[in-house]
């Protein structure tokens, strides 16, 4: 049975989203860059493409962490470039994501603006800014924006954090 899957996540700044998902056990690869979607969103936005092992972390857990670590309920003028989204790869994944989003809305009593939209293409960020937090943990941006998100991950469910 297949256990390795890919999913795209847009949560504002790709540096922040990358750092969050590098912390989760079961997430095997995180590629930071830009994702293009299909109509009506035929443009590129900052996002990550991640590969995960569904036997170690579920898609629901990934989405729940994603929603908790970015402005998933707030609309603003920069949502085109910094879209709150989950990009599906297959119709089956789309159906599962719609069920997960509905369940999480009820569970947390929140009106998420995060969109479930089709993945079309990915292009990586420049090599110099890959692994931004890992290579610059003392940078002011990291202290101000990334570390608070990592604290949320720490509090969220410690059993999903990498131990190595």
Protein backbone atom coordinates (compact mmCIF):
# COMPACT_ATOMS: atom_id res chain seq x y z
CA UNK A 1 0.00 0.00 0.00
CA UNK A 2 1.31 3.43 -0.96
CA UNK A 3 2.26 5.61 2.01
CA UNK A 4 4.28 8.45 0.41
CA UNK A 5 2.27 11.42 -0.83
CA UNK A 6 2.79 15.01 -1.88
CA UNK A 7 0.76 18.07 -0.98
CA UNK A 8 1.23 21.78 -1.63
CA UNK A 9 0.67 24.33 1.13
CA UNK A 10 0.39 28.08 0.84
CA UNK A 11 0.48 29.88 4.14
CA UNK A 12 1.85 33.32 3.51
CA UNK A 13 5.62 33.46 3.56
CA UNK A 14 7.22 30.28 2.24
CA UNK A 15 10.17 30.70 4.63
CA UNK A 16 7.79 30.37 7.58
CA UNK A 17 5.82 27.49 6.12
CA UNK A 18 9.02 25.64 5.23
CA UNK A 19 10.37 25.95 8.79
CA UNK A 20 7.10 24.72 10.33
CA UNK A 21 6.91 21.55 8.27
CA UNK A 22 10.59 20.72 8.63
CA UNK A 23 9.68 20.09 12.29
CA UNK A 24 7.04 17.42 11.73
CA UNK A 25 7.78 13.73 12.04
CA UNK A 26 6.58 11.98 8.90
CA UNK A 27 7.32 14.92 6.62
CA UNK A 28 10.19 13.64 4.51
CA UNK A 29 10.92 16.59 2.21
CA UNK A 30 9.96 20.26 2.16
CA UNK A 31 10.62 22.30 -0.97
CA UNK A 32 10.09 26.02 -0.66
CA UNK A 33 9.12 28.11 -3.65
CA UNK A 34 6.07 29.02 -5.70
CA UNK A 35 3.01 27.02 -6.72
CA UNK A 36 0.78 27.75 -9.67
CA UNK A 37 -2.83 26.61 -9.64
CA UNK A 38 -5.64 26.31 -12.14
CA UNK A 39 -8.40 28.78 -12.93
CA UNK A 40 -9.37 31.09 -11.33
CA UNK A 41 -5.93 31.19 -9.68
CA UNK A 42 -3.65 30.97 -12.70
CA UNK A 43 -0.80 32.75 -11.00
CA UNK A 44 2.11 31.87 -8.74
CA UNK A 45 2.07 32.27 -4.98
CA UNK A 46 4.58 31.54 -2.24
CA UNK A 47 4.17 27.99 -1.02
CA UNK A 48 5.86 24.72 -0.17
CA UNK A 49 5.67 21.32 -1.75
CA UNK A 50 6.05 18.55 0.78
CA UNK A 51 6.38 14.79 0.68
CA UNK A 52 5.03 12.91 3.67
CA UNK A 53 4.64 9.37 4.92
CA UNK A 54 0.96 8.81 5.68
CA UNK A 55 1.84 5.99 8.08
CA UNK A 56 3.69 8.49 10.28
CA UNK A 57 1.61 11.66 9.87
CA UNK A 58 -1.90 11.98 8.46
CA UNK A 59 -3.09 14.52 5.96
CA UNK A 60 -5.50 15.79 8.61
CA UNK A 61 -2.63 16.42 11.04
CA UNK A 62 -0.69 18.26 8.32
CA UNK A 63 -3.68 20.45 7.48
CA UNK A 64 -4.43 21.12 11.16
CA UNK A 65 -0.84 22.28 11.78
CA UNK A 66 -0.99 24.35 8.59
CA UNK A 67 -4.16 26.14 9.67
CA UNK A 68 -2.77 26.81 13.16
CA UNK A 69 0.51 28.33 11.97
CA UNK A 70 -0.57 31.04 9.55
CA UNK A 71 -3.35 33.61 9.14
CA UNK A 72 -5.84 31.06 7.86
CA UNK A 73 -8.91 33.08 8.86
CA UNK A 74 -7.80 36.56 7.77
CA UNK A 75 -8.34 38.11 4.35
CA UNK A 76 -5.97 40.83 3.24
CA UNK A 77 -4.82 42.63 0.09
CA UNK A 78 -1.75 40.41 -0.46
CA UNK A 79 -3.65 37.10 -0.59
CA UNK A 80 -2.73 36.58 -4.26
CA UNK A 81 0.98 36.33 -3.55
CA UNK A 82 0.56 34.96 -0.04
CA UNK A 83 -2.44 32.72 -0.62
CA UNK A 84 -3.82 30.55 2.18
CA UNK A 85 -4.24 27.28 0.32
CA UNK A 86 -3.91 23.55 0.23
CA UNK A 87 -3.00 22.33 -3.27
CA UNK A 88 -4.30 18.86 -4.13
CA UNK A 89 -2.62 16.46 -6.55
CA UNK A 90 -5.53 14.10 -7.30
CA UNK A 91 -9.33 14.14 -7.25
CA UNK A 92 -9.22 11.66 -4.35
CA UNK A 93 -6.98 14.02 -2.39
CA UNK A 94 -9.34 16.92 -3.17
CA UNK A 95 -12.31 14.97 -1.76
CA UNK A 96 -10.37 14.04 1.37
CA UNK A 97 -9.20 17.63 1.87
CA UNK A 98 -12.74 18.98 1.60
CA UNK A 99 -13.87 16.55 4.32
CA UNK A 100 -10.85 17.48 6.49
CA UNK A 101 -11.45 21.23 6.10
CA UNK A 102 -15.12 20.85 6.99
CA UNK A 103 -14.26 18.74 10.03
CA UNK A 104 -11.61 21.20 11.25
CA UNK A 105 -13.98 24.16 10.82
CA UNK A 106 -16.45 22.41 13.12
CA UNK A 107 -13.77 21.23 15.56
CA UNK A 108 -12.16 24.66 16.00
CA UNK A 109 -15.26 26.82 15.40
CA UNK A 110 -13.38 28.89 12.82
CA UNK A 111 -14.23 30.21 9.40
CA UNK A 112 -11.07 29.35 7.46
CA UNK A 113 -10.41 31.22 4.23
CA UNK A 114 -7.90 28.56 3.21
CA UNK A 115 -8.76 27.31 -0.25
CA UNK A 116 -8.51 23.74 -1.52
CA UNK A 117 -7.29 24.22 -5.10
CA UNK A 118 -5.57 22.15 -7.79
CA UNK A 119 -1.81 21.96 -8.04
CA UNK A 120 -0.48 22.75 -11.52
CA UNK A 121 3.23 23.47 -11.20
CA UNK A 122 6.02 24.23 -8.76
CA UNK A 123 9.20 26.24 -9.07
CA UNK A 124 11.77 26.31 -6.31
CA UNK A 125 13.08 29.47 -4.69
CA UNK A 126 16.67 30.48 -5.26
CA UNK A 127 19.15 28.13 -3.58
CA UNK A 128 20.41 31.00 -1.36
CA UNK A 129 17.09 31.22 0.47
CA UNK A 130 16.27 27.51 0.77
CA UNK A 131 16.24 26.27 4.37
CA UNK A 132 15.99 29.89 5.44
CA UNK A 133 15.41 29.30 9.14
CA UNK A 134 17.94 26.47 9.40
CA UNK A 135 20.67 28.66 7.89
CA UNK A 136 19.71 31.95 9.58
CA UNK A 137 18.07 31.18 12.93
CA UNK A 138 19.31 34.44 14.46
CA UNK A 139 18.06 36.68 11.64
CA UNK A 140 15.52 39.28 12.81
CA UNK A 141 12.89 37.91 10.41
CA UNK A 142 13.28 34.44 11.91
CA UNK A 143 13.04 35.72 15.48
CA UNK A 144 9.96 37.80 14.74
CA UNK A 145 7.95 35.61 12.39
CA UNK A 146 9.21 32.03 12.31
CA UNK A 147 9.96 31.30 15.97
CA UNK A 148 6.40 32.09 17.15
CA UNK A 149 5.09 29.59 14.59
CA UNK A 150 7.55 26.97 15.82
CA UNK A 151 6.27 27.52 19.37
CA UNK A 152 2.75 26.79 18.11
CA UNK A 153 4.00 23.56 16.56
CA UNK A 154 5.72 22.65 19.85
CA UNK A 155 2.46 23.18 21.75
CA UNK A 156 0.26 21.64 19.09
CA UNK A 157 1.08 17.98 19.49
CA UNK A 158 4.53 17.05 20.62
CA UNK A 159 4.17 13.52 19.26
CA UNK A 160 4.44 14.92 15.69
CA UNK A 161 7.80 16.62 16.24
CA UNK A 162 10.96 15.10 14.81
CA UNK A 163 13.19 13.67 17.49
CA UNK A 164 16.40 13.55 15.44
